[in-house]
C-alpha cells in the first residue's frame, strides 16, 4: 500500500520507479509511473 500510494499511515523513506520518486504521490500518479496493484 505504501508503494502504491494508498497507505493511510505516516510514511518516510524513498520509493522510486525508474529513478522517479513515488513516495507521497496519489495512487493514480503511481499507476502512471508503471506500478499496478492487485
ModelCIF file with pLDDT and N, C-alpha, C, O atoms, coordinates in Angstrom:
data_MODEL
#
_entry.id   MODEL 
#
_entity.id                         1 
_entity.type                       polymer 
_entity.pdbx_number_of_molecules   1 
#
_entity_poly.entity_id                      1 
_entity_poly.type                           'polypeptide(L)' 
_entity_poly.nstd_linkage                   no 
_entity_poly.nstd_monomer                   no 
_entity_poly.pdbx_seq_one_letter_code       
;(UNK)(UNK)(UNK)(UNK)(UNK)(UNK)(UNK)(UNK)(UNK)(UNK)(UNK)(UNK)(UNK)(UNK)(UNK)(UNK)
(UNK)(UNK)(UNK)(UNK)(UNK)(UNK)(UNK)(UNK)(UNK)(UNK)(UNK)(UNK)(UNK)(UNK)(UNK)(UNK)
(UNK)(UNK)(UNK)(UNK)(UNK)(UNK)
;
_entity_poly.pdbx_seq_one_letter_code_can   XXXXXXXXXXXXXXXXXXXXXXXXXXXXXXXXXXXXXX 
_entity_poly.pdbx_strand_id                 A 
#
loop_
_entity_poly_seq.entity_id 
_entity_poly_seq.num 
_entity_poly_seq.mon_id 
_entity_poly_seq.hetero 
1 1  UNK n 
1 2  UNK n 
1 3  UNK n 
1 4  UNK n 
1 5  UNK n 
1 6  UNK n 
1 7  UNK n 
1 8  UNK n 
1 9  UNK n 
1 10 UNK n 
1 11 UNK n 
1 12 UNK n 
1 13 UNK n 
1 14 UNK n 
1 15 UNK n 
1 16 UNK n 
1 17 UNK n 
1 18 UNK n 
1 19 UNK n 
1 20 UNK n 
1 21 UNK n 
1 22 UNK n 
1 23 UNK n 
1 24 UNK n 
1 25 UNK n 
1 26 UNK n 
1 27 UNK n 
1 28 UNK n 
1 29 UNK n 
1 30 UNK n 
1 31 UNK n 
1 32 UNK n 
1 33 UNK n 
1 34 UNK n 
1 35 UNK n 
1 36 UNK n 
1 37 UNK n 
1 38 UNK n 
#
_struct_asym.id          A 
_struct_asym.entity_id   1 
#
loop_
_ma_qa_metric.id 
_ma_qa_metric.mode 
_ma_qa_metric.name 
_ma_qa_metric.software_group_id 
_ma_qa_metric.type 
1 global pLDDT . pLDDT 
2 local  pLDDT . pLDDT 
#
_ma_qa_metric_global.metric_id      1 
_ma_qa_metric_global.metric_value   92.47 
_ma_qa_metric_global.model_id       1 
_ma_qa_metric_global.ordinal_id     1 
#
loop_
_ma_qa_metric_local.label_asym_id 
_ma_qa_metric_local.label_comp_id 
_ma_qa_metric_local.label_seq_id 
_ma_qa_metric_local.metric_id 
_ma_qa_metric_local.metric_value 
_ma_qa_metric_local.model_id 
_ma_qa_metric_local.ordinal_id 
A UNK 1  2 94.00 1 1  
A UNK 2  2 94.00 1 2  
A UNK 3  2 95.00 1 3  
A UNK 4  2 93.00 1 4  
A UNK 5  2 93.00 1 5  
A UNK 6  2 92.00 1 6  
A UNK 7  2 92.00 1 7  
A UNK 8  2 90.00 1 8  
A UNK 9  2 90.00 1 9  
A UNK 10 2 93.00 1 10 
A UNK 11 2 94.00 1 11 
A UNK 12 2 93.00 1 12 
A UNK 13 2 95.00 1 13 
A UNK 14 2 95.00 1 14 
A UNK 15 2 95.00 1 15 
A UNK 16 2 94.00 1 16 
A UNK 17 2 93.00 1 17 
A UNK 18 2 88.00 1 18 
A UNK 19 2 89.00 1 19 
A UNK 20 2 91.00 1 20 
A UNK 21 2 92.00 1 21 
A UNK 22 2 92.00 1 22 
A UNK 23 2 92.00 1 23 
A UNK 24 2 89.00 1 24 
A UNK 25 2 92.00 1 25 
A UNK 26 2 92.00 1 26 
A UNK 27 2 92.00 1 27 
A UNK 28 2 91.00 1 28 
A UNK 29 2 93.00 1 29 
A UNK 30 2 93.00 1 30 
A UNK 31 2 93.00 1 31 
A UNK 32 2 93.00 1 32 
A UNK 33 2 93.00 1 33 
A UNK 34 2 93.00 1 34 
A UNK 35 2 94.00 1 35 
A UNK 36 2 93.00 1 36 
A UNK 37 2 93.00 1 37 
A UNK 38 2 91.00 1 38 
#
loop_
_atom_site.group_PDB 
_atom_site.id 
_atom_site.type_symbol 
_atom_site.label_atom_id 
_atom_site.label_alt_id 
_atom_site.label_comp_id 
_atom_site.label_asym_id 
_atom_site.label_entity_id 
_atom_site.label_seq_id 
_atom_site.pdbx_PDB_ins_code 
_atom_site.Cartn_x 
_atom_site.Cartn_y 
_atom_site.Cartn_z 
_atom_site.occupancy 
_atom_site.B_iso_or_equiv 
_atom_site.pdbx_formal_charge 
_atom_site.auth_seq_id 
_atom_site.auth_comp_id 
_atom_site.auth_asym_id 
_atom_site.auth_atom_id 
_atom_site.pdbx_PDB_model_num 
ATOM 1   N N  . UNK A 1 1  ? 0.825  -1.210 0.000   1.00 94.00 ? 1  UNK A N  1 
ATOM 2   C CA . UNK A 1 1  ? 0.000  0.000  0.000   1.00 94.00 ? 1  UNK A CA 1 
ATOM 3   C C  . UNK A 1 1  ? 0.862  1.263  0.000   1.00 94.00 ? 1  UNK A C  1 
ATOM 4   O O  . UNK A 1 1  ? 0.527  2.244  -0.665  1.00 94.00 ? 1  UNK A O  1 
ATOM 5   N N  . UNK A 1 2  ? 1.957  1.242  0.735   1.00 94.00 ? 2  UNK A N  1 
ATOM 6   C CA . UNK A 1 2  ? 2.840  2.409  0.765   1.00 94.00 ? 2  UNK A CA 1 
ATOM 7   C C  . UNK A 1 2  ? 3.450  2.663  -0.607  1.00 94.00 ? 2  UNK A C  1 
ATOM 8   O O  . UNK A 1 2  ? 3.574  3.814  -1.025  1.00 94.00 ? 2  UNK A O  1 
ATOM 9   N N  . UNK A 1 3  ? 3.833  1.602  -1.308  1.00 95.00 ? 3  UNK A N  1 
ATOM 10  C CA . UNK A 1 3  ? 4.390  1.754  -2.652  1.00 95.00 ? 3  UNK A CA 1 
ATOM 11  C C  . UNK A 1 3  ? 3.321  2.264  -3.617  1.00 95.00 ? 3  UNK A C  1 
ATOM 12  O O  . UNK A 1 3  ? 3.600  3.108  -4.469  1.00 95.00 ? 3  UNK A O  1 
ATOM 13  N N  . UNK A 1 4  ? 2.084  1.744  -3.482  1.00 93.00 ? 4  UNK A N  1 
ATOM 14  C CA . UNK A 1 4  ? 1.004  2.100  -4.405  1.00 93.00 ? 4  UNK A CA 1 
ATOM 15  C C  . UNK A 1 4  ? 0.394  3.460  -4.126  1.00 93.00 ? 4  UNK A C  1 
ATOM 16  O O  . UNK A 1 4  ? -0.395 3.951  -4.932  1.00 93.00 ? 4  UNK A O  1 
ATOM 17  N N  . UNK A 1 5  ? 0.740  4.088  -2.997  1.00 93.00 ? 5  UNK A N  1 
ATOM 18  C CA . UNK A 1 5  ? 0.212  5.405  -2.689  1.00 93.00 ? 5  UNK A CA 1 
ATOM 19  C C  . UNK A 1 5  ? -1.152 5.397  -2.039  1.00 93.00 ? 5  UNK A C  1 
ATOM 20  O O  . UNK A 1 5  ? -1.857 6.404  -2.093  1.00 93.00 ? 5  UNK A O  1 
ATOM 21  N N  . UNK A 1 6  ? -1.550 4.289  -1.424  1.00 92.00 ? 6  UNK A N  1 
ATOM 22  C CA . UNK A 1 6  ? -2.865 4.208  -0.774  1.00 92.00 ? 6  UNK A CA 1 
ATOM 23  C C  . UNK A 1 6  ? -2.734 3.912  0.719   1.00 92.00 ? 6  UNK A C  1 
ATOM 24  O O  . UNK A 1 6  ? -3.711 3.519  1.356   1.00 92.00 ? 6  UNK A O  1 
ATOM 25  N N  . UNK A 1 7  ? -1.560 4.092  1.272   1.00 92.00 ? 7  UNK A N  1 
ATOM 26  C CA . UNK A 1 7  ? -1.354 3.840  2.699   1.00 92.00 ? 7  UNK A CA 1 
ATOM 27  C C  . UNK A 1 7  ? -1.854 5.036  3.504   1.00 92.00 ? 7  UNK A C  1 
ATOM 28  O O  . UNK A 1 7  ? -1.543 6.182  3.178   1.00 92.00 ? 7  UNK A O  1 
ATOM 29  N N  . UNK A 1 8  ? -2.625 4.770  4.549   1.00 90.00 ? 8  UNK A N  1 
ATOM 30  C CA . UNK A 1 8  ? -3.178 5.832  5.382   1.00 90.00 ? 8  UNK A CA 1 
ATOM 31  C C  . UNK A 1 8  ? -2.251 6.249  6.517   1.00 90.00 ? 8  UNK A C  1 
ATOM 32  O O  . UNK A 1 8  ? -2.526 7.230  7.208   1.00 90.00 ? 8  UNK A O  1 
ATOM 33  N N  . UNK A 1 9  ? -1.172 5.528  6.717   1.00 90.00 ? 9  UNK A N  1 
ATOM 34  C CA . UNK A 1 9  ? -0.245 5.872  7.783   1.00 90.00 ? 9  UNK A CA 1 
ATOM 35  C C  . UNK A 1 9  ? 0.748  6.940  7.358   1.00 90.00 ? 9  UNK A C  1 
ATOM 36  O O  . UNK A 1 9  ? 0.740  7.398  6.216   1.00 90.00 ? 9  UNK A O  1 
ATOM 37  N N  . UNK A 1 10 ? 1.593  7.324  8.286   1.00 93.00 ? 10 UNK A N  1 
ATOM 38  C CA . UNK A 1 10 ? 2.653  8.291  8.001   1.00 93.00 ? 10 UNK A CA 1 
ATOM 39  C C  . UNK A 1 10 ? 3.851  7.554  7.426   1.00 93.00 ? 10 UNK A C  1 
ATOM 40  O O  . UNK A 1 10 ? 4.361  6.612  8.033   1.00 93.00 ? 10 UNK A O  1 
ATOM 41  N N  . UNK A 1 11 ? 4.301  7.989  6.242   1.00 94.00 ? 11 UNK A N  1 
ATOM 42  C CA . UNK A 1 11 ? 5.384  7.298  5.551   1.00 94.00 ? 11 UNK A CA 1 
ATOM 43  C C  . UNK A 1 11 ? 6.630  8.171  5.474   1.00 94.00 ? 11 UNK A C  1 
ATOM 44  O O  . UNK A 1 11 ? 6.558  9.399  5.461   1.00 94.00 ? 11 UNK A O  1 
ATOM 45  N N  . UNK A 1 12 ? 7.771  7.496  5.424   1.00 93.00 ? 12 UNK A N  1 
ATOM 46  C CA . UNK A 1 12 ? 9.053  8.181  5.224   1.00 93.00 ? 12 UNK A CA 1 
ATOM 47  C C  . UNK A 1 12 ? 9.993  7.219  4.537   1.00 93.00 ? 12 UNK A C  1 
ATOM 48  O O  . UNK A 1 12 ? 9.767  6.009  4.549   1.00 93.00 ? 12 UNK A O  1 
ATOM 49  N N  . UNK A 1 13 ? 11.044 7.745  3.940   1.00 95.00 ? 13 UNK A N  1 
ATOM 50  C CA . UNK A 1 13 ? 11.984 6.917  3.206   1.00 95.00 ? 13 UNK A CA 1 
ATOM 51  C C  . UNK A 1 13 ? 11.960 7.269  1.733   1.00 95.00 ? 13 UNK A C  1 
ATOM 52  O O  . UNK A 1 13 ? 11.620 8.391  1.359   1.00 95.00 ? 13 UNK A O  1 
ATOM 53  N N  . UNK A 1 14 ? 12.325 6.299  0.891   1.00 95.00 ? 14 UNK A N  1 
ATOM 54  C CA . UNK A 1 14 ? 12.421 6.567  -0.546  1.00 95.00 ? 14 UNK A CA 1 
ATOM 55  C C  . UNK A 1 14 ? 11.825 5.398  -1.330  1.00 95.00 ? 14 UNK A C  1 
ATOM 56  O O  . UNK A 1 14 ? 12.148 4.236  -1.084  1.00 95.00 ? 14 UNK A O  1 
ATOM 57  N N  . UNK A 1 15 ? 10.945 5.734  -2.283  1.00 95.00 ? 15 UNK A N  1 
ATOM 58  C CA . UNK A 1 15 ? 10.387 4.767  -3.222  1.00 95.00 ? 15 UNK A CA 1 
ATOM 59  C C  . UNK A 1 15 ? 10.488 5.399  -4.605  1.00 95.00 ? 15 UNK A C  1 
ATOM 60  O O  . UNK A 1 15 ? 10.033 6.523  -4.815  1.00 95.00 ? 15 UNK A O  1 
ATOM 61  N N  . UNK A 1 16 ? 11.086 4.670  -5.548  1.00 94.00 ? 16 UNK A N  1 
ATOM 62  C CA . UNK A 1 16 ? 11.243 5.232  -6.892  1.00 94.00 ? 16 UNK A CA 1 
ATOM 63  C C  . UNK A 1 16 ? 11.026 4.159  -7.940  1.00 94.00 ? 16 UNK A C  1 
ATOM 64  O O  . UNK A 1 16 ? 11.233 2.970  -7.696  1.00 94.00 ? 16 UNK A O  1 
ATOM 65  N N  . UNK A 1 17 ? 10.602 4.611  -9.123  1.00 93.00 ? 17 UNK A N  1 
ATOM 66  C CA . UNK A 1 17 ? 10.393 3.723  -10.262 1.00 93.00 ? 17 UNK A CA 1 
ATOM 67  C C  . UNK A 1 17 ? 11.135 4.319  -11.448 1.00 93.00 ? 17 UNK A C  1 
ATOM 68  O O  . UNK A 1 17 ? 10.780 5.388  -11.945 1.00 93.00 ? 17 UNK A O  1 
ATOM 69  N N  . UNK A 1 18 ? 12.170 3.613  -11.895 1.00 88.00 ? 18 UNK A N  1 
ATOM 70  C CA . UNK A 1 18 ? 12.989 4.134  -12.976 1.00 88.00 ? 18 UNK A CA 1 
ATOM 71  C C  . UNK A 1 18 ? 13.659 5.447  -12.628 1.00 88.00 ? 18 UNK A C  1 
ATOM 72  O O  . UNK A 1 18 ? 13.902 6.281  -13.501 1.00 88.00 ? 18 UNK A O  1 
ATOM 73  N N  . UNK A 1 19 ? 13.957 5.631  -11.350 1.00 89.00 ? 19 UNK A N  1 
ATOM 74  C CA . UNK A 1 19 ? 14.607 6.852  -10.900 1.00 89.00 ? 19 UNK A CA 1 
ATOM 75  C C  . UNK A 1 19 ? 13.653 7.958  -10.517 1.00 89.00 ? 19 UNK A C  1 
ATOM 76  O O  . UNK A 1 19 ? 14.084 8.965  -9.956  1.00 89.00 ? 19 UNK A O  1 
ATOM 77  N N  . UNK A 1 20 ? 12.355 7.806  -10.802 1.00 91.00 ? 20 UNK A N  1 
ATOM 78  C CA . UNK A 1 20 ? 11.357 8.820  -10.464 1.00 91.00 ? 20 UNK A CA 1 
ATOM 79  C C  . UNK A 1 20 ? 10.790 8.556  -9.073  1.00 91.00 ? 20 UNK A C  1 
ATOM 80  O O  . UNK A 1 20 ? 10.294 7.461  -8.809  1.00 91.00 ? 20 UNK A O  1 
ATOM 81  N N  . UNK A 1 21 ? 10.856 9.545  -8.177  1.00 92.00 ? 21 UNK A N  1 
ATOM 82  C CA . UNK A 1 21 ? 10.332 9.320  -6.808  1.00 92.00 ? 21 UNK A CA 1 
ATOM 83  C C  . UNK A 1 21 ? 8.817  9.146  -6.817  1.00 92.00 ? 21 UNK A C  1 
ATOM 84  O O  . UNK A 1 21 ? 8.099  9.838  -7.539  1.00 92.00 ? 21 UNK A O  1 
ATOM 85  N N  . UNK A 1 22 ? 8.349  8.208  -6.000  1.00 92.00 ? 22 UNK A N  1 
ATOM 86  C CA . UNK A 1 22 ? 6.920  7.899  -5.934  1.00 92.00 ? 22 UNK A CA 1 
ATOM 87  C C  . UNK A 1 22 ? 6.301  8.216  -4.581  1.00 92.00 ? 22 UNK A C  1 
ATOM 88  O O  . UNK A 1 22 ? 5.104  8.495  -4.509  1.00 92.00 ? 22 UNK A O  1 
ATOM 89  N N  . UNK A 1 23 ? 7.074  8.182  -3.520  1.00 92.00 ? 23 UNK A N  1 
ATOM 90  C CA . UNK A 1 23 ? 6.506  8.326  -2.181  1.00 92.00 ? 23 UNK A CA 1 
ATOM 91  C C  . UNK A 1 23 ? 5.833  9.686  -2.032  1.00 92.00 ? 23 UNK A C  1 
ATOM 92  O O  . UNK A 1 23 ? 6.438  10.725 -2.298  1.00 92.00 ? 23 UNK A O  1 
ATOM 93  N N  . UNK A 1 24 ? 4.594  9.663  -1.610  1.00 89.00 ? 24 UNK A N  1 
ATOM 94  C CA . UNK A 1 24 ? 3.836  10.894 -1.446  1.00 89.00 ? 24 UNK A CA 1 
ATOM 95  C C  . UNK A 1 24 ? 2.942  11.222 -2.623  1.00 89.00 ? 24 UNK A C  1 
ATOM 96  O O  . UNK A 1 24 ? 2.112  12.126 -2.525  1.00 89.00 ? 24 UNK A O  1 
ATOM 97  N N  . UNK A 1 25 ? 3.086  10.502 -3.754  1.00 92.00 ? 25 UNK A N  1 
ATOM 98  C CA . UNK A 1 25 ? 2.217  10.742 -4.905  1.00 92.00 ? 25 UNK A CA 1 
ATOM 99  C C  . UNK A 1 25 ? 0.864  10.084 -4.690  1.00 92.00 ? 25 UNK A C  1 
ATOM 100 O O  . UNK A 1 25 ? 0.795  9.060  -4.010  1.00 92.00 ? 25 UNK A O  1 
ATOM 101 N N  . UNK A 1 26 ? -0.225 10.635 -5.247  1.00 92.00 ? 26 UNK A N  1 
ATOM 102 C CA . UNK A 1 26 ? -1.524 9.963  -5.190  1.00 92.00 ? 26 UNK A CA 1 
ATOM 103 C C  . UNK A 1 26 ? -1.492 8.685  -6.012  1.00 92.00 ? 26 UNK A C  1 
ATOM 104 O O  . UNK A 1 26 ? -0.625 8.502  -6.866  1.00 92.00 ? 26 UNK A O  1 
ATOM 105 N N  . UNK A 1 27 ? -2.442 7.810  -5.744  1.00 92.00 ? 27 UNK A N  1 
ATOM 106 C CA . UNK A 1 27 ? -2.423 6.473  -6.333  1.00 92.00 ? 27 UNK A CA 1 
ATOM 107 C C  . UNK A 1 27 ? -2.433 6.508  -7.858  1.00 92.00 ? 27 UNK A C  1 
ATOM 108 O O  . UNK A 1 27 ? -1.715 5.731  -8.488  1.00 92.00 ? 27 UNK A O  1 
ATOM 109 N N  . UNK A 1 28 ? -3.225 7.385  -8.467  1.00 91.00 ? 28 UNK A N  1 
ATOM 110 C CA . UNK A 1 28 ? -3.309 7.381  -9.930  1.00 91.00 ? 28 UNK A CA 1 
ATOM 111 C C  . UNK A 1 28 ? -1.998 7.837  -10.564 1.00 91.00 ? 28 UNK A C  1 
ATOM 112 O O  . UNK A 1 28 ? -1.675 7.421  -11.678 1.00 91.00 ? 28 UNK A O  1 
ATOM 113 N N  . UNK A 1 29 ? -1.241 8.681  -9.874  1.00 93.00 ? 29 UNK A N  1 
ATOM 114 C CA . UNK A 1 29 ? 0.069  9.083  -10.378 1.00 93.00 ? 29 UNK A CA 1 
ATOM 115 C C  . UNK A 1 29 ? 1.075  7.932  -10.303 1.00 93.00 ? 29 UNK A C  1 
ATOM 116 O O  . UNK A 1 29 ? 1.941  7.801  -11.168 1.00 93.00 ? 29 UNK A O  1 
ATOM 117 N N  . UNK A 1 30 ? 0.956  7.114  -9.280  1.00 93.00 ? 30 UNK A N  1 
ATOM 118 C CA . UNK A 1 30 ? 1.829  5.946  -9.157  1.00 93.00 ? 30 UNK A CA 1 
ATOM 119 C C  . UNK A 1 30 ? 1.556  4.967  -10.301 1.00 93.00 ? 30 UNK A C  1 
ATOM 120 O O  . UNK A 1 30 ? 2.482  4.388  -10.870 1.00 93.00 ? 30 UNK A O  1 
ATOM 121 N N  . UNK A 1 31 ? 0.266  4.790  -10.632 1.00 93.00 ? 31 UNK A N  1 
ATOM 122 C CA . UNK A 1 31 ? -0.082 3.912  -11.754 1.00 93.00 ? 31 UNK A CA 1 
ATOM 123 C C  . UNK A 1 31 ? 0.509  4.446  -13.052 1.00 93.00 ? 31 UNK A C  1 
ATOM 124 O O  . UNK A 1 31 ? 0.975  3.667  -13.885 1.00 93.00 ? 31 UNK A O  1 
ATOM 125 N N  . UNK A 1 32 ? 0.496  5.753  -13.233 1.00 93.00 ? 32 UNK A N  1 
ATOM 126 C CA . UNK A 1 32 ? 1.052  6.355  -14.445 1.00 93.00 ? 32 UNK A CA 1 
ATOM 127 C C  . UNK A 1 32 ? 2.557  6.123  -14.552 1.00 93.00 ? 32 UNK A C  1 
ATOM 128 O O  . UNK A 1 32 ? 3.117  6.176  -15.647 1.00 93.00 ? 32 UNK A O  1 
ATOM 129 N N  . UNK A 1 33 ? 3.213  5.867  -13.421 1.00 93.00 ? 33 UNK A N  1 
ATOM 130 C CA . UNK A 1 33 ? 4.646  5.594  -13.427 1.00 93.00 ? 33 UNK A CA 1 
ATOM 131 C C  . UNK A 1 33 ? 4.953  4.118  -13.715 1.00 93.00 ? 33 UNK A C  1 
ATOM 132 O O  . UNK A 1 33 ? 6.117  3.729  -13.810 1.00 93.00 ? 33 UNK A O  1 
ATOM 133 N N  . UNK A 1 34 ? 3.907  3.307  -13.853 1.00 93.00 ? 34 UNK A N  1 
ATOM 134 C CA . UNK A 1 34 ? 4.125  1.921  -14.263 1.00 93.00 ? 34 UNK A CA 1 
ATOM 135 C C  . UNK A 1 34 ? 4.005  0.886  -13.160 1.00 93.00 ? 34 UNK A C  1 
ATOM 136 O O  . UNK A 1 34 ? 4.556  -0.208 -13.281 1.00 93.00 ? 34 UNK A O  1 
ATOM 137 N N  . UNK A 1 35 ? 3.292  1.212  -12.081 1.00 94.00 ? 35 UNK A N  1 
ATOM 138 C CA . UNK A 1 35 ? 3.096  0.247  -10.989 1.00 94.00 ? 35 UNK A CA 1 
ATOM 139 C C  . UNK A 1 35 ? 1.598  0.006  -10.806 1.00 94.00 ? 35 UNK A C  1 
ATOM 140 O O  . UNK A 1 35 ? 0.826  0.954  -10.662 1.00 94.00 ? 35 UNK A O  1 
ATOM 141 N N  . UNK A 1 36 ? 1.193  -1.262 -10.813 1.00 93.00 ? 36 UNK A N  1 
ATOM 142 C CA . UNK A 1 36 ? -0.205 -1.630 -10.637 1.00 93.00 ? 36 UNK A CA 1 
ATOM 143 C C  . UNK A 1 36 ? -0.328 -2.610 -9.471  1.00 93.00 ? 36 UNK A C  1 
ATOM 144 O O  . UNK A 1 36 ? 0.521  -3.483 -9.290  1.00 93.00 ? 36 UNK A O  1 
ATOM 145 N N  . UNK A 1 37 ? -1.376 -2.458 -8.695  1.00 93.00 ? 37 UNK A N  1 
ATOM 146 C CA . UNK A 1 37 ? -1.606 -3.291 -7.514  1.00 93.00 ? 37 UNK A CA 1 
ATOM 147 C C  . UNK A 1 37 ? -2.883 -4.106 -7.684  1.00 93.00 ? 37 UNK A C  1 
ATOM 148 O O  . UNK A 1 37 ? -3.936 -3.564 -8.021  1.00 93.00 ? 37 UNK A O  1 
ATOM 149 N N  . UNK A 1 38 ? -2.783 -5.416 -7.447  1.00 91.00 ? 38 UNK A N  1 
ATOM 150 C CA . UNK A 1 38 ? -3.954 -6.285 -7.343  1.00 91.00 ? 38 UNK A CA 1 
ATOM 151 C C  . UNK A 1 38 ? -4.193 -6.482 -5.853  1.00 91.00 ? 38 UNK A C  1 
ATOM 152 O O  . UNK A 1 38 ? -5.130 -7.181 -5.465  1.00 91.00 ? 38 UNK A O  1 
#
